[in-house]
Amino acid sequence: DPGTVAAEVWRNERMPSVSGLELTGSHADADAMSIEGTMQFTATKLL
């Protein structure tokens, strides 16, 4: 609900984005991305 989104979130945090990258690992416990507490996280065109 837009009414629950704090002003500082709209100003500083809206729609964090990642696009057009290849991500791989050379460690058995390597992850690509951890995502926490975000508003409108957007991921496109990733390998």
PDB file of all heavy atoms in Angstrom:
ATOM      1  N   ASP A   1       0.852  -1.192   0.000  1.00  0.00           N
ATOM      2  CA  ASP A   1       0.000   0.000   0.000  1.00  0.00           C
ATOM      3  C   ASP A   1       0.891   1.247   0.000  1.00  0.00           C
ATOM      4  O   ASP A   1       1.742   1.409   0.873  1.00  0.00           O
ATOM      5  CB  ASP A   1      -0.879  -0.018   1.251  1.00  0.00           C
ATOM      6  CG  ASP A   1      -1.890   1.123   1.295  1.00  0.00           C
ATOM      7  OD1 ASP A   1      -1.625   2.188   0.698  1.00  0.00           O
ATOM      8  OD2 ASP A   1      -2.940   0.950   1.936  1.00  0.00           O
ATOM      9  N   PRO A   2       0.719   2.157  -0.982  1.00  0.00           N
ATOM     10  CA  PRO A   2       1.572   3.356  -1.031  1.00  0.00           C
ATOM     11  C   PRO A   2       1.574   4.153   0.272  1.00  0.00           C
ATOM     12  O   PRO A   2       2.581   4.780   0.622  1.00  0.00           O
ATOM     13  CB  PRO A   2       0.972   4.174  -2.171  1.00  0.00           C
ATOM     14  CG  PRO A   2       0.283   3.183  -3.038  1.00  0.00           C
ATOM     15  CD  PRO A   2      -0.230   2.118  -2.120  1.00  0.00           C
ATOM     16  N   GLY A   3       0.451   4.124   1.002  1.00  0.00           N
ATOM     17  CA  GLY A   3       0.377   4.880   2.240  1.00  0.00           C
ATOM     18  C   GLY A   3       1.277   4.361   3.340  1.00  0.00           C
ATOM     19  O   GLY A   3       1.503   5.056   4.332  1.00  0.00           O
ATOM     20  N   THR A   4       1.812   3.145   3.162  1.00  0.00           N
ATOM     21  CA  THR A   4       2.691   2.571   4.194  1.00  0.00           C
ATOM     22  C   THR A   4       4.169   2.719   3.845  1.00  0.00           C
ATOM     23  O   THR A   4       5.021   2.256   4.605  1.00  0.00           O
ATOM     24  CB  THR A   4       2.381   1.076   4.389  1.00  0.00           C
ATOM     25  OG1 THR A   4       2.810   0.344   3.229  1.00  0.00           O
ATOM     26  CG2 THR A   4       0.906   0.849   4.629  1.00  0.00           C
ATOM     27  N   VAL A   5       4.462   3.331   2.701  1.00  0.00           N
ATOM     28  CA  VAL A   5       5.856   3.471   2.276  1.00  0.00           C
ATOM     29  C   VAL A   5       6.408   4.783   2.816  1.00  0.00           C
ATOM     30  O   VAL A   5       5.914   5.862   2.483  1.00  0.00           O
ATOM     31  CB  VAL A   5       5.981   3.430   0.744  1.00  0.00           C
ATOM     32  CG1 VAL A   5       7.459   3.516   0.334  1.00  0.00           C
ATOM     33  CG2 VAL A   5       5.352   2.154   0.187  1.00  0.00           C
ATOM     34  N   ALA A   6       7.434   4.695   3.634  1.00  0.00           N
ATOM     35  CA  ALA A   6       8.011   5.886   4.254  1.00  0.00           C
ATOM     36  C   ALA A   6       8.647   6.793   3.200  1.00  0.00           C
ATOM     37  O   ALA A   6       9.152   6.330   2.176  1.00  0.00           O
ATOM     38  CB  ALA A   6       9.063   5.479   5.283  1.00  0.00           C
ATOM     39  N   ALA A   7       8.648   8.083   3.476  1.00  0.00           N
ATOM     40  CA  ALA A   7       9.182   9.063   2.526  1.00  0.00           C
ATOM     41  C   ALA A   7      10.642   8.783   2.186  1.00  0.00           C
ATOM     42  O   ALA A   7      11.063   8.915   1.031  1.00  0.00           O
ATOM     43  CB  ALA A   7       9.026  10.467   3.099  1.00  0.00           C
ATOM     44  N   GLU A   8      11.422   8.356   3.184  1.00  0.00           N
ATOM     45  CA  GLU A   8      12.832   8.098   2.911  1.00  0.00           C
ATOM     46  C   GLU A   8      13.034   6.864   2.035  1.00  0.00           C
ATOM     47  O   GLU A   8      14.024   6.768   1.295  1.00  0.00           O
ATOM     48  CB  GLU A   8      13.625   7.953   4.211  1.00  0.00           C
ATOM     49  CG  GLU A   8      13.145   6.885   5.164  1.00  0.00           C
ATOM     50  CD  GLU A   8      12.124   7.419   6.169  1.00  0.00           C
ATOM     51  OE1 GLU A   8      11.462   8.447   5.881  1.00  0.00           O
ATOM     52  OE2 GLU A   8      12.004   6.798   7.237  1.00  0.00           O
ATOM     53  N   VAL A   9      12.085   5.920   2.091  1.00  0.00           N
ATOM     54  CA  VAL A   9      12.170   4.763   1.200  1.00  0.00           C
ATOM     55  C   VAL A   9      11.922   5.189  -0.237  1.00  0.00           C
ATOM     56  O   VAL A   9      12.635   4.795  -1.165  1.00  0.00           O
ATOM     57  CB  VAL A   9      11.181   3.664   1.643  1.00  0.00           C
ATOM     58  CG1 VAL A   9      11.098   2.550   0.602  1.00  0.00           C
ATOM     59  CG2 VAL A   9      11.600   3.089   2.990  1.00  0.00           C
ATOM     60  N   TRP A  10      10.892   6.018  -0.464  1.00  0.00           N
ATOM     61  CA  TRP A  10      10.649   6.539  -1.817  1.00  0.00           C
ATOM     62  C   TRP A  10      11.846   7.333  -2.316  1.00  0.00           C
ATOM     63  O   TRP A  10      12.228   7.263  -3.481  1.00  0.00           O
ATOM     64  CB  TRP A  10       9.406   7.416  -1.853  1.00  0.00           C
ATOM     65  CG  TRP A  10       8.102   6.684  -1.935  1.00  0.00           C
ATOM     66  CD1 TRP A  10       7.033   6.842  -1.099  1.00  0.00           C
ATOM     67  CD2 TRP A  10       7.716   5.686  -2.885  1.00  0.00           C
ATOM     68  NE1 TRP A  10       6.013   6.008  -1.472  1.00  0.00           N
ATOM     69  CE2 TRP A  10       6.400   5.286  -2.565  1.00  0.00           C
ATOM     70  CE3 TRP A  10       8.355   5.085  -3.965  1.00  0.00           C
ATOM     71  CZ2 TRP A  10       5.703   4.319  -3.298  1.00  0.00           C
ATOM     72  CZ3 TRP A  10       7.675   4.122  -4.704  1.00  0.00           C
ATOM     73  CH2 TRP A  10       6.367   3.746  -4.358  1.00  0.00           C
ATOM     74  N   ARG A  11      12.455   8.093  -1.444  1.00  0.00           N
ATOM     75  CA  ARG A  11      13.540   8.973  -1.857  1.00  0.00           C
ATOM     76  C   ARG A  11      14.831   8.198  -2.136  1.00  0.00           C
ATOM     77  O   ARG A  11      15.518   8.465  -3.117  1.00  0.00           O
ATOM     78  CB  ARG A  11      13.785  10.028  -0.776  1.00  0.00           C
ATOM     79  CG  ARG A  11      14.869  11.046  -1.127  1.00  0.00           C
ATOM     80  CD  ARG A  11      14.949  12.171  -0.093  1.00  0.00           C
ATOM     81  NE  ARG A  11      15.243  11.670   1.234  1.00  0.00           N
ATOM     82  CZ  ARG A  11      14.368  11.643   2.242  1.00  0.00           C
ATOM     83  NH1 ARG A  11      13.124  12.076   2.074  1.00  0.00           N
ATOM     84  NH2 ARG A  11      14.718  11.179   3.445  1.00  0.00           N
ATOM     85  N   ASN A  12      15.165   7.243  -1.284  1.00  0.00           N
ATOM     86  CA  ASN A  12      16.482   6.614  -1.344  1.00  0.00           C
ATOM     87  C   ASN A  12      16.498   5.163  -1.822  1.00  0.00           C
ATOM     88  O   ASN A  12      17.554   4.679  -2.236  1.00  0.00           O
ATOM     89  CB  ASN A  12      17.132   6.636   0.050  1.00  0.00           C
ATOM     90  CG  ASN A  12      17.410   8.024   0.542  1.00  0.00           C
ATOM     91  OD1 ASN A  12      17.559   8.951  -0.246  1.00  0.00           O
ATOM     92  ND2 ASN A  12      17.463   8.176   1.854  1.00  0.00           N
ATOM     93  N   GLU A  13      15.358   4.462  -1.749  1.00  0.00           N
ATOM     94  CA  GLU A  13      15.435   3.009  -1.884  1.00  0.00           C
ATOM     95  C   GLU A  13      14.554   2.416  -2.978  1.00  0.00           C
ATOM     96  O   GLU A  13      14.653   1.229  -3.261  1.00  0.00           O
ATOM     97  CB  GLU A  13      15.061   2.361  -0.543  1.00  0.00           C
ATOM     98  CG  GLU A  13      15.931   2.801   0.614  1.00  0.00           C
ATOM     99  CD  GLU A  13      15.552   2.131   1.929  1.00  0.00           C
ATOM    100  OE1 GLU A  13      15.000   1.011   1.880  1.00  0.00           O
ATOM    101  OE2 GLU A  13      15.781   2.719   2.989  1.00  0.00           O
ATOM    102  N   ARG A  14      13.685   3.216  -3.604  1.00  0.00           N
ATOM    103  CA  ARG A  14      12.738   2.629  -4.546  1.00  0.00           C
ATOM    104  C   ARG A  14      13.465   2.039  -5.762  1.00  0.00           C
ATOM    105  O   ARG A  14      14.452   2.541  -6.239  1.00  0.00           O
ATOM    106  CB  ARG A  14      11.692   3.662  -4.984  1.00  0.00           C
ATOM    107  CG  ARG A  14      12.063   4.565  -6.147  1.00  0.00           C
ATOM    108  CD  ARG A  14      13.177   5.549  -5.849  1.00  0.00           C
ATOM    109  NE  ARG A  14      13.516   6.355  -7.010  1.00  0.00           N
ATOM    110  CZ  ARG A  14      14.368   5.967  -7.952  1.00  0.00           C
ATOM    111  NH1 ARG A  14      14.932   4.780  -7.884  1.00  0.00           N
ATOM    112  NH2 ARG A  14      14.633   6.751  -8.971  1.00  0.00           N
ATOM    113  N   MET A  15      12.965   0.906  -6.205  1.00  0.00           N
ATOM    114  CA  MET A  15      13.372   0.190  -7.401  1.00  0.00           C
ATOM    115  C   MET A  15      14.878   0.011  -7.557  1.00  0.00           C
ATOM    116  O   MET A  15      15.464   0.441  -8.548  1.00  0.00           O
ATOM    117  CB  MET A  15      12.796   0.844  -8.661  1.00  0.00           C
ATOM    118  CG  MET A  15      12.684  -0.141  -9.817  1.00  0.00           C
ATOM    119  SD  MET A  15      11.940   0.580 -11.300  1.00  0.00           S
ATOM    120  CE  MET A  15      13.276   1.589 -11.920  1.00  0.00           C
ATOM    121  N   PRO A  16      15.547  -0.632  -6.617  1.00  0.00           N
ATOM    122  CA  PRO A  16      16.938  -1.028  -6.871  1.00  0.00           C
ATOM    123  C   PRO A  16      16.953  -2.027  -8.031  1.00  0.00           C
ATOM    124  O   PRO A  16      16.110  -2.933  -8.092  1.00  0.00           O
ATOM    125  CB  PRO A  16      17.362  -1.671  -5.553  1.00  0.00           C
ATOM    126  CG  PRO A  16      16.084  -2.093  -4.905  1.00  0.00           C
ATOM    127  CD  PRO A  16      15.051  -1.109  -5.324  1.00  0.00           C
ATOM    128  N   SER A  17      17.895  -1.872  -8.952  1.00  0.00           N
ATOM    129  CA  SER A  17      17.824  -2.616 -10.205  1.00  0.00           C
ATOM    130  C   SER A  17      19.171  -3.224 -10.571  1.00  0.00           C
ATOM    131  O   SER A  17      20.228  -2.646 -10.310  1.00  0.00           O
ATOM    132  CB  SER A  17      17.374  -1.686 -11.347  1.00  0.00           C
ATOM    133  OG  SER A  17      16.124  -1.103 -11.053  1.00  0.00           O
ATOM    134  N   VAL A  18      19.104  -4.370 -11.233  1.00  0.00           N
ATOM    135  CA  VAL A  18      20.300  -5.001 -11.791  1.00  0.00           C
ATOM    136  C   VAL A  18      19.925  -5.603 -13.135  1.00  0.00           C
ATOM    137  O   VAL A  18      18.883  -6.245 -13.274  1.00  0.00           O
ATOM    138  CB  VAL A  18      20.880  -6.053 -10.819  1.00  0.00           C
ATOM    139  CG1 VAL A  18      19.839  -7.096 -10.435  1.00  0.00           C
ATOM    140  CG2 VAL A  18      22.110  -6.709 -11.404  1.00  0.00           C
ATOM    141  N   SER A  19      20.772  -5.385 -14.149  1.00  0.00           N
ATOM    142  CA  SER A  19      20.417  -5.798 -15.503  1.00  0.00           C
ATOM    143  C   SER A  19      21.667  -6.052 -16.336  1.00  0.00           C
ATOM    144  O   SER A  19      22.675  -5.357 -16.196  1.00  0.00           O
ATOM    145  CB  SER A  19      19.574  -4.695 -16.166  1.00  0.00           C
ATOM    146  OG  SER A  19      19.242  -5.026 -17.501  1.00  0.00           O
ATOM    147  N   GLY A  20      21.580  -7.058 -17.206  1.00  0.00           N
ATOM    148  CA  GLY A  20      22.584  -7.256 -18.241  1.00  0.00           C
ATOM    149  C   GLY A  20      23.921  -7.768 -17.771  1.00  0.00           C
ATOM    150  O   GLY A  20      24.952  -7.491 -18.404  1.00  0.00           O
ATOM    151  N   LEU A  21      23.946  -8.562 -16.695  1.00  0.00           N
ATOM    152  CA  LEU A  21      25.192  -9.081 -16.152  1.00  0.00           C
ATOM    153  C   LEU A  21      25.198 -10.602 -16.119  1.00  0.00           C
ATOM    154  O   LEU A  21      24.150 -11.240 -15.978  1.00  0.00           O
ATOM    155  CB  LEU A  21      25.416  -8.563 -14.735  1.00  0.00           C
ATOM    156  CG  LEU A  21      25.570  -7.050 -14.555  1.00  0.00           C
ATOM    157  CD1 LEU A  21      25.622  -6.710 -13.073  1.00  0.00           C
ATOM    158  CD2 LEU A  21      26.811  -6.528 -15.268  1.00  0.00           C
ATOM    159  N   GLU A  22      26.380 -11.182 -16.215  1.00  0.00           N
ATOM    160  CA  GLU A  22      26.595 -12.596 -15.945  1.00  0.00           C
ATOM    161  C   GLU A  22      27.192 -12.719 -14.555  1.00  0.00           C
ATOM    162  O   GLU A  22      28.165 -12.035 -14.226  1.00  0.00           O
ATOM    163  CB  GLU A  22      27.549 -13.216 -16.966  1.00  0.00           C
ATOM    164  CG  GLU A  22      27.910 -14.667 -16.664  1.00  0.00           C
ATOM    165  CD  GLU A  22      28.979 -15.221 -17.579  1.00  0.00           C
ATOM    166  OE1 GLU A  22      29.423 -14.504 -18.499  1.00  0.00           O
ATOM    167  OE2 GLU A  22      29.392 -16.388 -17.362  1.00  0.00           O
ATOM    168  N   LEU A  23      26.607 -13.598 -13.728  1.00  0.00           N
ATOM    169  CA  LEU A  23      27.130 -13.840 -12.382  1.00  0.00           C
ATOM    170  C   LEU A  23      27.407 -15.326 -12.237  1.00  0.00           C
ATOM    171  O   LEU A  23      26.533 -16.167 -12.503  1.00  0.00           O
ATOM    172  CB  LEU A  23      26.138 -13.386 -11.318  1.00  0.00           C
ATOM    173  CG  LEU A  23      25.885 -11.878 -11.279  1.00  0.00           C
ATOM    174  CD1 LEU A  23      24.529 -11.562 -11.898  1.00  0.00           C
ATOM    175  CD2 LEU A  23      25.927 -11.345  -9.862  1.00  0.00           C
ATOM    176  N   THR A  24      28.617 -15.642 -11.810  1.00  0.00           N
ATOM    177  CA  THR A  24      28.996 -17.026 -11.605  1.00  0.00           C
ATOM    178  C   THR A  24      29.896 -17.106 -10.376  1.00  0.00           C
ATOM    179  O   THR A  24      30.261 -16.084  -9.796  1.00  0.00           O
ATOM    180  CB  THR A  24      29.687 -17.601 -12.857  1.00  0.00           C
ATOM    181  OG1 THR A  24      29.884 -19.006 -12.695  1.00  0.00           O
ATOM    182  CG2 THR A  24      31.016 -16.918 -13.116  1.00  0.00           C
ATOM    183  N   GLY A  25      30.226 -18.323  -9.962  1.00  0.00           N
ATOM    184  CA  GLY A  25      31.013 -18.481  -8.742  1.00  0.00           C
ATOM    185  C   GLY A  25      32.094 -19.527  -8.885  1.00  0.00           C
ATOM    186  O   GLY A  25      31.957 -20.481  -9.659  1.00  0.00           O
ATOM    187  N   SER A  26      33.173 -19.356  -8.120  1.00  0.00           N
ATOM    188  CA  SER A  26      34.227 -20.369  -8.064  1.00  0.00           C
ATOM    189  C   SER A  26      34.324 -20.972  -6.666  1.00  0.00           C
ATOM    190  O   SER A  26      35.277 -21.685  -6.376  1.00  0.00           O
ATOM    191  CB  SER A  26      35.568 -19.756  -8.478  1.00  0.00           C
ATOM    192  OG  SER A  26      35.928 -18.688  -7.625  1.00  0.00           O
ATOM    193  N   HIS A  27      33.348 -20.670  -5.807  1.00  0.00           N
ATOM    194  CA  HIS A  27      33.281 -21.227  -4.456  1.00  0.00           C
ATOM    195  C   HIS A  27      31.963 -21.991  -4.321  1.00  0.00           C
ATOM    196  O   HIS A  27      30.936 -21.550  -4.835  1.00  0.00           O
ATOM    197  CB  HIS A  27      33.350 -20.109  -3.419  1.00  0.00           C
ATOM    198  CG  HIS A  27      33.548 -20.583  -2.013  1.00  0.00           C
ATOM    199  ND1 HIS A  27      32.534 -21.169  -1.269  1.00  0.00           N
ATOM    200  CD2 HIS A  27      34.651 -20.555  -1.212  1.00  0.00           C
ATOM    201  CE1 HIS A  27      32.994 -21.483  -0.069  1.00  0.00           C
ATOM    202  NE2 HIS A  27      34.271 -21.126  -0.007  1.00  0.00           N
ATOM    203  N   ALA A  28      31.994 -23.133  -3.638  1.00  0.00           N
ATOM    204  CA  ALA A  28      30.806 -23.982  -3.542  1.00  0.00           C
ATOM    205  C   ALA A  28      29.630 -23.286  -2.870  1.00  0.00           C
ATOM    206  O   ALA A  28      28.471 -23.615  -3.136  1.00  0.00           O
ATOM    207  CB  ALA A  28      31.147 -25.274  -2.787  1.00  0.00           C
ATOM    208  N   ASP A  29      29.903 -22.313  -1.994  1.00  0.00           N
ATOM    209  CA  ASP A  29      28.844 -21.623  -1.262  1.00  0.00           C
ATOM    210  C   ASP A  29      28.655 -20.177  -1.719  1.00  0.00           C
ATOM    211  O   ASP A  29      28.169 -19.336  -0.966  1.00  0.00           O
ATOM    212  CB  ASP A  29      29.136 -21.654   0.245  1.00  0.00           C
ATOM    213  CG  ASP A  29      29.082 -23.060   0.804  1.00  0.00           C
ATOM    214  OD1 ASP A  29      28.267 -23.869   0.319  1.00  0.00           O
ATOM    215  OD2 ASP A  29      29.867 -23.370   1.722  1.00  0.00           O
ATOM    216  N   ALA A  30      29.019 -19.910  -2.948  1.00  0.00           N
ATOM    217  CA  ALA A  30      28.805 -18.575  -3.505  1.00  0.00           C
ATOM    218  C   ALA A  30      27.383 -18.453  -4.039  1.00  0.00           C
ATOM    219  O   ALA A  30      26.898 -19.334  -4.750  1.00  0.00           O
ATOM    220  CB  ALA A  30      29.804 -18.306  -4.619  1.00  0.00           C
ATOM    221  N   ASP A  31      26.695 -17.385  -3.670  1.00  0.00           N
ATOM    222  CA  ASP A  31      25.365 -17.069  -4.180  1.00  0.00           C
ATOM    223  C   ASP A  31      25.452 -15.836  -5.071  1.00  0.00           C
ATOM    224  O   ASP A  31      26.387 -15.035  -4.965  1.00  0.00           O
ATOM    225  CB  ASP A  31      24.390 -16.779  -3.038  1.00  0.00           C
ATOM    226  CG  ASP A  31      24.176 -17.974  -2.122  1.00  0.00           C
ATOM    227  OD1 ASP A  31      24.375 -19.116  -2.571  1.00  0.00           O
ATOM    228  OD2 ASP A  31      23.809 -17.759  -0.951  1.00  0.00           O
ATOM    229  N   ALA A  32      24.438 -15.655  -5.917  1.00  0.00           N
ATOM    230  CA  ALA A  32      24.428 -14.468  -6.770  1.00  0.00           C
ATOM    231  C   ALA A  32      24.018 -13.234  -5.968  1.00  0.00           C
ATOM    232  O   ALA A  32      24.788 -12.286  -5.846  1.00  0.00           O
ATOM    233  CB  ALA A  32      23.507 -14.669  -7.968  1.00  0.00           C
ATOM    234  N   MET A  33      22.794 -13.253  -5.409  1.00  0.00           N
ATOM    235  CA  MET A  33      22.305 -12.064  -4.722  1.00  0.00           C
ATOM    236  C   MET A  33      21.420 -12.438  -3.546  1.00  0.00           C
ATOM    237  O   MET A  33      20.605 -13.357  -3.638  1.00  0.00           O
ATOM    238  CB  MET A  33      21.495 -11.176  -5.669  1.00  0.00           C
ATOM    239  CG  MET A  33      22.305 -10.629  -6.807  1.00  0.00           C
ATOM    240  SD  MET A  33      21.424  -9.365  -7.712  1.00  0.00           S
ATOM    241  CE  MET A  33      22.510  -9.227  -9.134  1.00  0.00           C
ATOM    242  N   SER A  34      21.570 -11.686  -2.467  1.00  0.00           N
ATOM    243  CA  SER A  34      20.667 -11.732  -1.323  1.00  0.00           C
ATOM    244  C   SER A  34      19.886 -10.423  -1.312  1.00  0.00           C
ATOM    245  O   SER A  34      20.466  -9.349  -1.498  1.00  0.00           O
ATOM    246  CB  SER A  34      21.466 -11.907  -0.035  1.00  0.00           C
ATOM    247  OG  SER A  34      20.631 -11.793   1.099  1.00  0.00           O
ATOM    248  N   ILE A  35      18.573 -10.518  -1.094  1.00  0.00           N
ATOM    249  CA  ILE A  35      17.703  -9.347  -1.214  1.00  0.00           C
ATOM    250  C   ILE A  35      16.824  -9.275   0.030  1.00  0.00           C
ATOM    251  O   ILE A  35      16.079 -10.203   0.330  1.00  0.00           O
ATOM    252  CB  ILE A  35      16.831  -9.454  -2.478  1.00  0.00           C
ATOM    253  CG1 ILE A  35      17.720  -9.611  -3.721  1.00  0.00           C
ATOM    254  CG2 ILE A  35      15.914  -8.247  -2.617  1.00  0.00           C
ATOM    255  CD1 ILE A  35      17.204 -10.617  -4.705  1.00  0.00           C
ATOM    256  N   GLU A  36      16.929  -8.155   0.758  1.00  0.00           N
ATOM    257  CA  GLU A  36      16.233  -8.000   2.043  1.00  0.00           C
ATOM    258  C   GLU A  36      15.745  -6.564   2.200  1.00  0.00           C
ATOM    259  O   GLU A  36      16.488  -5.611   1.940  1.00  0.00           O
ATOM    260  CB  GLU A  36      17.185  -8.346   3.183  1.00  0.00           C
ATOM    261  CG  GLU A  36      16.684  -7.995   4.563  1.00  0.00           C
ATOM    262  CD  GLU A  36      17.782  -8.036   5.621  1.00  0.00           C
ATOM    263  OE1 GLU A  36      18.784  -8.742   5.422  1.00  0.00           O
ATOM    264  OE2 GLU A  36      17.622  -7.338   6.646  1.00  0.00           O
ATOM    265  N   GLY A  37      14.486  -6.412   2.596  1.00  0.00           N
ATOM    266  CA  GLY A  37      13.957  -5.100   2.955  1.00  0.00           C
ATOM    267  C   GLY A  37      13.749  -4.151   1.798  1.00  0.00           C
ATOM    268  O   GLY A  37      13.650  -2.937   2.000  1.00  0.00           O
ATOM    269  N   THR A  38      13.663  -4.682   0.575  1.00  0.00           N
ATOM    270  CA  THR A  38      13.597  -3.804  -0.593  1.00  0.00           C
ATOM    271  C   THR A  38      12.162  -3.501  -1.004  1.00  0.00           C
ATOM    272  O   THR A  38      11.226  -4.248  -0.712  1.00  0.00           O
ATOM    273  CB  THR A  38      14.334  -4.401  -1.797  1.00  0.00           C
ATOM    274  OG1 THR A  38      13.661  -5.599  -2.226  1.00  0.00           O
ATOM    275  CG2 THR A  38      15.772  -4.713  -1.455  1.00  0.00           C
ATOM    276  N   MET A  39      12.019  -2.399  -1.721  1.00  0.00           N
ATOM    277  CA  MET A  39      10.757  -2.002  -2.334  1.00  0.00           C
ATOM    278  C   MET A  39      10.971  -1.899  -3.841  1.00  0.00           C
ATOM    279  O   MET A  39      11.788  -1.103  -4.295  1.00  0.00           O
ATOM    280  CB  MET A  39      10.291  -0.652  -1.765  1.00  0.00           C
ATOM    281  CG  MET A  39       9.012  -0.114  -2.363  1.00  0.00           C
ATOM    282  SD  MET A  39       7.598  -1.185  -2.001  1.00  0.00           S
ATOM    283  CE  MET A  39       6.265  -0.223  -2.736  1.00  0.00           C
ATOM    284  N   GLN A  40      10.326  -2.760  -4.604  1.00  0.00           N
ATOM    285  CA  GLN A  40      10.356  -2.749  -6.066  1.00  0.00           C
ATOM    286  C   GLN A  40      11.712  -3.196  -6.626  1.00  0.00           C
ATOM    287  O   GLN A  40      12.179  -2.675  -7.648  1.00  0.00           O
ATOM    288  CB  GLN A  40       9.979  -1.369  -6.609  1.00  0.00           C
ATOM    289  CG  GLN A  40       8.596  -0.914  -6.170  1.00  0.00           C
ATOM    290  CD  GLN A  40       8.288   0.529  -6.513  1.00  0.00           C
ATOM    291  OE1 GLN A  40       9.196   1.345  -6.645  1.00  0.00           O
ATOM    292  NE2 GLN A  40       7.004   0.845  -6.656  1.00  0.00           N
ATOM    293  N   PHE A  41      12.333  -4.177  -6.013  1.00  0.00           N
ATOM    294  CA  PHE A  41      13.566  -4.737  -6.573  1.00  0.00           C
ATOM    295  C   PHE A  41      13.263  -5.307  -7.955  1.00  0.00           C
ATOM    296  O   PHE A  41      12.296  -6.047  -8.152  1.00  0.00           O
ATOM    297  CB  PHE A  41      14.123  -5.830  -5.666  1.00  0.00           C
ATOM    298  CG  PHE A  41      15.398  -6.433  -6.174  1.00  0.00           C
ATOM    299  CD1 PHE A  41      16.615  -5.839  -5.898  1.00  0.00           C
ATOM    300  CD2 PHE A  41      15.375  -7.580  -6.947  1.00  0.00           C
ATOM    301  CE1 PHE A  41      17.798  -6.383  -6.374  1.00  0.00           C
ATOM    302  CE2 PHE A  41      16.555  -8.139  -7.434  1.00  0.00           C
ATOM    303  CZ  PHE A  41      17.767  -7.536  -7.149  1.00  0.00           C
ATOM    304  N   THR A  42      14.135  -4.987  -8.934  1.00  0.00           N
ATOM    305  CA  THR A  42      13.903  -5.380 -10.319  1.00  0.00           C
ATOM    306  C   THR A  42      15.168  -6.008 -10.889  1.00  0.00           C
ATOM    307  O   THR A  42      16.239  -5.384 -10.893  1.00  0.00           O
ATOM    308  CB  THR A  42      13.500  -4.157 -11.164  1.00  0.00           C
ATOM    309  OG1 THR A  42      12.314  -3.579 -10.613  1.00  0.00           O
ATOM    310  CG2 THR A  42      13.231  -4.559 -12.601  1.00  0.00           C
ATOM    311  N   ALA A  43      15.045  -7.253 -11.380  1.00  0.00           N
ATOM    312  CA  ALA A  43      16.170  -7.965 -11.992  1.00  0.00           C
ATOM    313  C   ALA A  43      15.784  -8.380 -13.402  1.00  0.00           C
ATOM    314  O   ALA A  43      14.762  -9.048 -13.599  1.00  0.00           O
ATOM    315  CB  ALA A  43      16.541  -9.187 -11.164  1.00  0.00           C
ATOM    316  N   THR A  44      16.596  -7.980 -14.388  1.00  0.00           N
ATOM    317  CA  THR A  44      16.302  -8.315 -15.784  1.00  0.00           C
ATOM    318  C   THR A  44      17.586  -8.688 -16.524  1.00  0.00           C
ATOM    319  O   THR A  44      18.670  -8.197 -16.217  1.00  0.00           O
ATOM    320  CB  THR A  44      15.650  -7.127 -16.524  1.00  0.00           C
ATOM    321  OG1 THR A  44      16.530  -5.989 -16.482  1.00  0.00           O
ATOM    322  CG2 THR A  44      14.320  -6.751 -15.892  1.00  0.00           C
ATOM    323  N   LYS A  45      17.427  -9.574 -17.492  1.00  0.00           N
ATOM    324  CA  LYS A  45      18.495  -9.918 -18.444  1.00  0.00           C
ATOM    325  C   LYS A  45      19.779 -10.354 -17.738  1.00  0.00           C
ATOM    326  O   LYS A  45      20.880  -9.919 -18.076  1.00  0.00           O
ATOM    327  CB  LYS A  45      18.767  -8.742 -19.386  1.00  0.00           C
ATOM    328  CG  LYS A  45      17.568  -8.361 -20.230  1.00  0.00           C
ATOM    329  CD  LYS A  45      17.869  -7.203 -21.153  1.00  0.00           C
ATOM    330  CE  LYS A  45      16.629  -6.824 -21.969  1.00  0.00           C
ATOM    331  NZ  LYS A  45      16.883  -5.663 -22.858  1.00  0.00           N
ATOM    332  N   LEU A  46      19.628 -11.243 -16.755  1.00  0.00           N
ATOM    333  CA  LEU A  46      20.782 -11.778 -16.045  1.00  0.00           C
ATOM    334  C   LEU A  46      21.059 -13.208 -16.479  1.00  0.00           C
ATOM    335  O   LEU A  46      20.132 -13.969 -16.812  1.00  0.00           O
ATOM    336  CB  LEU A  46      20.540 -11.762 -14.539  1.00  0.00           C
ATOM    337  CG  LEU A  46      20.226 -10.423 -13.885  1.00  0.00           C
ATOM    338  CD1 LEU A  46      19.971 -10.623 -12.395  1.00  0.00           C
ATOM    339  CD2 LEU A  46      21.339  -9.420 -14.114  1.00  0.00           C
ATOM    340  N   LEU A  47      22.326 -13.596 -16.457  1.00  0.00           N
ATOM    341  CA  LEU A  47      22.732 -14.992 -16.526  1.00  0.00           C
ATOM    342  C   LEU A  47      23.377 -15.331 -15.196  1.00  0.00           C
ATOM    343  O   LEU A  47      24.408 -14.763 -14.830  1.00  0.00           O
ATOM    344  CB  LEU A  47      23.721 -15.217 -17.671  1.00  0.00           C
ATOM    345  CG  LEU A  47      24.456 -16.575 -17.662  1.00  0.00           C
ATOM    346  CD1 LEU A  47      23.469 -17.738 -17.712  1.00  0.00           C
ATOM    347  CD2 LEU A  47      25.461 -16.661 -18.810  1.00  0.00           C
TER     348      LEU A  47
END
